[in-house]
């Protein structure tokens, strides 16, 4: 018998056209994804995907099923929302966000939002890179926040919230630099500390290193900006690129120091993103409005 969870898995595979990517997005083993698709094909007695080496594509039956699946999942969201009044909304908002946004920008916004919607929970997932389109196409999140220099997509609502100053920091006792970085070439044979969960803004810098053919001595990757700071504060050698808001306190008390950057202004923009054709619950709409107001944006 066909199961709804199999249809949801099918939708993700169909949107991404990759069993491997779907397994990553769903946090499943690839064998689980393959098993669910096989079960669905057995139930329907139809082949849904054409498999050719590492590539897959939808069969005519797969295209037909995808249309029905998208309607069913949209209807499920609509049904759930229709039985909840605005003041009695329950459930979870699923938000993909860099750790720095969750740690330094969202707490006061969440606090304000919970005054109106005390029964809404949040499921935050870290790191939003340039595969943001795939994440939304998989239909598994409501809203995403992204650090980057520029972003647009005709299928997504993209709201620029603010500019974010990025700074190079290191332990105050570290003398690897005299205090000024003249160009990206100065990072040759240096150690960088990087945050996995803030992958989007680090991509801006990594692109610059690649274009300049700069060879680092090594990199140290940890899970969050807070972990990067802890490593620097305990005396680990290396330079980190972090949003200034994440290190304001440490720069003020002198435990960390920032480096002057003589290159072009090193900033990122913070974007809030959601899908245009996805049914939005009242809670999702209200959260988007709360974020806009918090950042001084006019609600249209």
Protein backbone atom coordinates (compact mmCIF):
# COMPACT_ATOMS: atom_id res chain seq x y z
CA UNK A 1 0.00 0.00 0.00
CA UNK A 2 1.26 3.45 -0.91
CA UNK A 3 2.34 5.57 2.10
CA UNK A 4 2.34 9.35 2.37
CA UNK A 5 5.96 9.44 3.61
CA UNK A 6 6.96 7.61 0.43
CA UNK A 7 5.27 10.31 -1.63
CA UNK A 8 7.17 12.99 0.29
CA UNK A 9 10.44 11.16 -0.35
CA UNK A 10 9.48 10.80 -4.01
CA UNK A 11 8.88 14.56 -4.26
CA UNK A 12 12.34 15.34 -2.91
CA UNK A 13 14.05 12.88 -5.27
CA UNK A 14 12.00 14.17 -8.21
CA UNK A 15 12.85 17.80 -7.46
CA UNK A 16 16.56 17.17 -6.94
CA UNK A 17 16.90 14.35 -9.51
CA UNK A 18 19.38 12.71 -7.19
CA UNK A 19 18.99 9.91 -4.66
CA UNK A 20 22.18 11.04 -2.93
CA UNK A 21 21.09 14.68 -2.58
CA UNK A 22 17.63 13.60 -1.42
CA UNK A 23 19.14 11.37 1.26
CA UNK A 24 21.24 14.31 2.47
CA UNK A 25 18.28 16.71 2.59
CA UNK A 26 16.03 14.16 4.32
CA UNK A 27 18.75 12.92 6.69
CA UNK A 28 18.11 9.38 5.48
CA UNK A 29 20.52 6.68 4.44
CA UNK A 30 20.55 6.43 0.65
CA UNK A 31 19.37 2.84 0.96
CA UNK A 32 16.25 4.09 2.80
CA UNK A 33 15.44 6.51 -0.02
CA UNK A 34 15.94 3.78 -2.63
CA UNK A 35 13.78 1.37 -0.63
CA UNK A 36 10.90 3.86 -0.34
CA UNK A 37 10.98 4.64 -4.06
CA UNK A 38 11.05 0.91 -4.85
CA UNK A 39 8.05 0.37 -2.55
CA UNK A 40 6.17 3.18 -4.28
CA UNK A 41 6.93 1.74 -7.72
CA UNK A 42 5.74 -1.68 -6.57
CA UNK A 43 2.50 -0.20 -5.20
CA UNK A 44 1.77 1.67 -8.43
CA UNK A 45 3.22 -1.03 -10.68
CA UNK A 46 4.97 1.72 -12.58
CA UNK A 47 8.59 2.78 -13.09
CA UNK A 48 9.00 6.35 -11.83
CA UNK A 49 12.63 7.06 -12.70
CA UNK A 50 14.93 6.28 -15.60
CA UNK A 51 18.33 5.41 -14.17
CA UNK A 52 21.36 6.00 -16.41
CA UNK A 53 24.68 5.74 -14.59
CA UNK A 54 24.75 8.42 -11.91
CA UNK A 55 21.89 10.34 -13.52
CA UNK A 56 18.16 9.89 -13.11
CA UNK A 57 15.16 11.43 -14.83
CA UNK A 58 11.41 11.13 -14.44
CA UNK A 59 9.41 8.76 -16.59
CA UNK A 60 6.01 9.95 -17.88
CA UNK A 61 4.47 8.12 -14.91
CA UNK A 62 6.89 9.93 -12.60
CA UNK A 63 5.93 13.32 -14.04
CA UNK A 64 2.26 12.47 -13.56
CA UNK A 65 2.79 11.32 -9.96
CA UNK A 66 4.83 14.44 -9.11
CA UNK A 67 1.91 16.69 -10.07
CA UNK A 68 -0.44 14.72 -7.81
CA UNK A 69 2.12 14.61 -4.99
CA UNK A 70 2.65 18.38 -5.06
CA UNK A 71 -1.11 18.92 -4.90
CA UNK A 72 -1.47 16.45 -2.01
CA UNK A 73 1.31 18.02 0.06
CA UNK A 74 -0.01 21.52 -0.59
CA UNK A 75 -3.50 20.34 0.38
CA UNK A 76 -2.13 18.77 3.57
CA UNK A 77 -0.63 22.12 4.59
CA UNK A 78 -3.84 23.91 3.72
CA UNK A 79 -5.98 21.47 5.72
CA UNK A 80 -3.77 21.77 8.78
CA UNK A 81 -3.80 25.55 8.58
CA UNK A 82 -7.57 25.83 8.02
CA UNK A 83 -8.31 24.24 11.39
CA UNK A 84 -6.23 26.73 13.33
CA UNK A 85 -7.31 30.25 14.19
CA UNK A 86 -4.66 32.95 14.00
CA UNK A 87 -4.43 33.22 17.80
CA UNK A 88 -4.38 29.45 18.30
CA UNK A 89 -1.80 28.46 15.71
CA UNK A 90 0.30 25.44 16.57
CA UNK A 91 3.00 23.46 14.87
CA UNK A 92 6.57 24.17 13.82
CA UNK A 93 8.22 26.60 11.47
CA UNK A 94 11.18 24.98 9.72
CA UNK A 95 13.92 27.53 9.15
CA UNK A 96 17.28 27.07 7.46
CA UNK A 97 19.74 29.62 8.79
CA UNK A 98 23.43 30.28 9.40
CA UNK A 99 24.35 29.87 13.07
CA UNK A 100 25.25 33.56 13.40
CA UNK A 101 21.73 34.59 12.40
CA UNK A 102 20.14 32.18 14.89
CA UNK A 103 22.51 33.27 17.67
CA UNK A 104 22.71 37.04 17.22
CA UNK A 105 19.78 38.27 15.14
CA UNK A 106 16.81 35.99 15.78
CA UNK A 107 16.49 35.71 19.61
CA UNK A 108 14.70 39.07 20.14
CA UNK A 109 12.55 38.38 17.08
CA UNK A 110 11.57 34.94 18.40
CA UNK A 111 10.77 36.46 21.79
CA UNK A 112 8.42 39.02 20.23
CA UNK A 113 6.83 36.43 17.94
CA UNK A 114 6.13 34.05 20.83
CA UNK A 115 4.08 36.71 22.61
CA UNK A 116 1.54 36.41 19.80
CA UNK A 117 2.06 32.76 18.90
CA UNK A 118 3.05 30.92 22.10
CA UNK A 119 2.22 27.50 20.64
CA UNK A 120 4.47 27.73 17.59
CA UNK A 121 7.71 25.79 17.74
CA UNK A 122 10.83 26.29 15.66
CA UNK A 123 13.08 23.80 13.93
CA UNK A 124 16.35 25.52 13.01
CA UNK A 125 18.79 23.83 10.67
CA UNK A 126 22.26 25.25 10.05
CA UNK A 127 24.15 26.35 6.97
CA UNK A 128 22.55 27.74 3.88
CA UNK A 129 24.87 27.73 0.90
CA UNK A 130 24.19 28.39 -2.73
CA UNK A 131 22.11 25.21 -2.96
CA UNK A 132 19.23 27.18 -1.44
CA UNK A 133 17.14 26.50 -4.58
CA UNK A 134 17.47 22.74 -4.07
CA UNK A 135 16.43 23.08 -0.43
CA UNK A 136 13.23 24.91 -1.34
CA UNK A 137 12.50 22.61 -4.29
CA UNK A 138 12.63 19.71 -1.85
CA UNK A 139 9.68 21.32 -0.07
CA UNK A 140 11.06 20.74 3.42
CA UNK A 141 11.50 24.27 4.81
CA UNK A 142 9.36 27.36 5.27
CA UNK A 143 11.94 30.14 5.38
CA UNK A 144 15.68 30.53 4.87
CA UNK A 145 18.20 33.16 5.85
CA UNK A 146 21.31 33.62 3.75
CA UNK A 147 24.55 35.60 3.95
CA UNK A 148 25.93 36.47 0.52
CA UNK A 149 26.96 39.41 -1.65
CA UNK A 150 24.06 39.08 -4.09
CA UNK A 151 21.12 36.70 -4.54
CA UNK A 152 18.00 36.56 -6.70
CA UNK A 153 15.71 33.87 -8.04
CA UNK A 154 12.49 34.23 -10.01
CA UNK A 155 10.84 31.38 -8.07
CA UNK A 156 11.70 32.77 -4.63
CA UNK A 157 10.77 35.84 -2.61
CA UNK A 158 14.08 37.45 -1.65
CA UNK A 159 14.07 40.18 1.01
CA UNK A 160 17.32 42.03 1.75
CA UNK A 161 17.32 42.72 5.49
CA UNK A 162 20.63 44.39 6.29
CA UNK A 163 24.31 44.65 5.45
CA UNK A 164 26.62 42.63 7.68
CA UNK A 165 30.19 43.72 8.38
CA UNK A 166 32.64 40.83 8.30
CA UNK A 167 35.93 41.07 10.19
CA UNK A 168 39.13 39.06 10.34
CA UNK A 169 39.96 38.26 13.97
CA UNK A 170 42.64 36.40 15.89
CA UNK A 171 43.85 35.97 19.46
CA UNK A 172 45.14 39.26 20.87
CA UNK A 173 48.52 37.62 21.60
CA UNK A 174 48.92 36.22 18.09
CA UNK A 175 51.50 38.15 16.05
CA UNK A 176 51.05 36.34 12.73
CA UNK A 177 49.98 39.70 11.27
CA UNK A 178 51.19 43.17 12.19
CA UNK A 179 47.63 44.44 12.07
CA UNK A 180 46.96 45.11 8.40
CA UNK A 181 46.02 42.83 5.51
CA UNK A 182 47.00 44.46 2.24
CA UNK A 183 45.43 41.88 -0.06
CA UNK A 184 44.08 38.35 -0.11
CA UNK A 185 47.59 37.19 -1.04
CA UNK A 186 48.68 37.91 2.55
CA UNK A 187 46.82 34.74 3.58
CA UNK A 188 49.34 32.56 1.75
CA UNK A 189 50.65 29.83 4.09
CA UNK A 190 48.40 31.00 6.93
CA UNK A 191 45.94 29.01 9.07
CA UNK A 192 42.22 29.77 8.80
CA UNK A 193 39.53 28.83 11.33
CA UNK A 194 36.19 28.30 9.64
CA UNK A 195 32.63 27.71 10.77
CA UNK A 196 30.74 24.94 8.98
CA UNK A 197 27.34 26.29 10.01
CA UNK A 198 27.99 29.75 8.55
CA UNK A 199 29.03 28.36 5.20
CA UNK A 200 27.42 31.01 3.00
CA UNK A 201 29.55 34.04 3.88
CA UNK A 202 32.75 32.02 4.07
CA UNK A 203 32.10 31.00 0.46
CA UNK A 204 32.60 34.65 -0.52
CA UNK A 205 36.09 34.61 0.98
CA UNK A 206 36.95 31.13 -0.29
CA UNK A 207 36.06 32.27 -3.81
CA UNK A 208 38.54 35.15 -3.45
CA UNK A 209 41.28 32.76 -2.31
CA UNK A 210 40.69 30.45 -5.25
CA UNK A 211 40.65 33.29 -7.79
CA UNK A 212 43.97 34.60 -6.39
CA UNK A 213 45.44 31.06 -6.27
CA UNK A 214 46.29 31.49 -2.58
CA UNK A 215 47.54 28.33 -0.84
CA UNK A 216 46.71 28.14 2.86
CA UNK A 217 48.88 26.37 5.39
CA UNK A 218 45.82 24.58 6.77
CA UNK A 219 42.22 25.08 7.82
CA UNK A 220 40.46 24.21 11.05
CA UNK A 221 36.72 23.65 10.61
CA UNK A 222 34.34 23.57 13.57
CA UNK A 223 30.58 23.55 13.95
CA UNK A 224 29.76 27.16 14.82
CA UNK A 225 31.12 30.71 15.15
CA UNK A 226 31.01 30.25 18.92
CA UNK A 227 33.33 27.26 18.61
CA UNK A 228 35.65 29.30 16.38
CA UNK A 229 35.79 32.02 19.05
CA UNK A 230 36.51 29.48 21.81
CA UNK A 231 39.43 28.08 19.84
CA UNK A 232 40.90 31.55 19.33
CA UNK A 233 40.34 32.51 22.97
CA UNK A 234 42.18 29.42 24.19
CA UNK A 235 45.22 30.41 22.13
CA UNK A 236 44.83 28.43 18.92
CA UNK A 237 46.83 30.02 16.13
CA UNK A 238 44.87 31.13 13.13
CA UNK A 239 42.66 33.78 11.62
CA UNK A 240 38.88 33.66 11.52
CA UNK A 241 36.36 35.51 9.39
CA UNK A 242 33.25 36.31 11.43
CA UNK A 243 30.38 38.82 11.47
CA UNK A 244 31.34 41.74 13.69
CA UNK A 245 28.17 41.23 15.73
CA UNK A 246 29.53 37.82 16.79
CA UNK A 247 32.76 39.24 18.25
CA UNK A 248 31.79 42.72 19.52
CA UNK A 249 32.25 41.75 23.17
CA UNK A 250 35.62 40.05 22.65
CA UNK A 251 36.94 42.97 20.59
CA UNK A 252 35.82 45.40 23.28
CA UNK A 253 37.51 43.55 26.15
CA UNK A 254 40.68 42.94 24.13
CA UNK A 255 40.64 39.14 24.20
CA UNK A 256 40.45 39.16 20.39
CA UNK A 257 41.77 41.68 17.91
CA UNK A 258 40.64 42.54 14.42
CA UNK A 259 42.83 43.07 11.39
CA UNK A 260 42.59 46.06 9.10
CA UNK A 261 41.64 45.06 5.59
CA UNK A 262 42.92 47.31 2.79
CA UNK A 263 41.02 45.53 0.06
CA UNK A 264 37.49 46.32 -1.14
CA UNK A 265 34.89 46.61 1.64
CA UNK A 266 34.32 43.12 3.01
CA UNK A 267 30.63 42.93 3.74
CA UNK A 268 27.80 40.51 3.15
CA UNK A 269 24.08 41.03 2.89
CA UNK A 270 21.57 39.17 5.00
CA UNK A 271 18.58 37.90 3.03
CA UNK A 272 15.31 36.30 4.11
CA UNK A 273 13.94 33.92 1.48
CA UNK A 274 10.73 31.97 0.98
CA UNK A 275 9.10 30.18 -1.95
CA UNK A 276 6.63 32.08 -4.10
CA UNK A 277 4.30 29.22 -4.99
CA UNK A 278 4.32 27.48 -1.59
CA UNK A 279 1.24 27.74 0.60
CA UNK A 280 2.23 29.80 3.65
CA UNK A 281 0.57 29.23 6.99
CA UNK A 282 -0.63 32.21 9.00
CA UNK A 283 2.26 31.60 11.39
CA UNK A 284 4.82 31.72 8.56
CA UNK A 285 3.30 34.94 7.21
CA UNK A 286 3.30 36.48 10.69
CA UNK A 287 6.92 35.47 11.30
CA UNK A 288 8.01 37.01 7.99
CA UNK A 289 6.24 40.24 8.95
CA UNK A 290 7.82 40.21 12.42
CA UNK A 291 11.29 39.88 10.87
CA UNK A 292 10.60 42.72 8.43
CA UNK A 293 9.43 45.03 11.21
CA UNK A 294 12.43 44.13 13.36
CA UNK A 295 14.79 45.12 10.55
CA UNK A 296 12.83 48.30 9.86
CA UNK A 297 11.28 47.06 6.65
CA UNK A 298 7.98 48.32 5.30
CA UNK A 299 5.36 45.55 5.13
CA UNK A 300 3.72 45.49 1.72
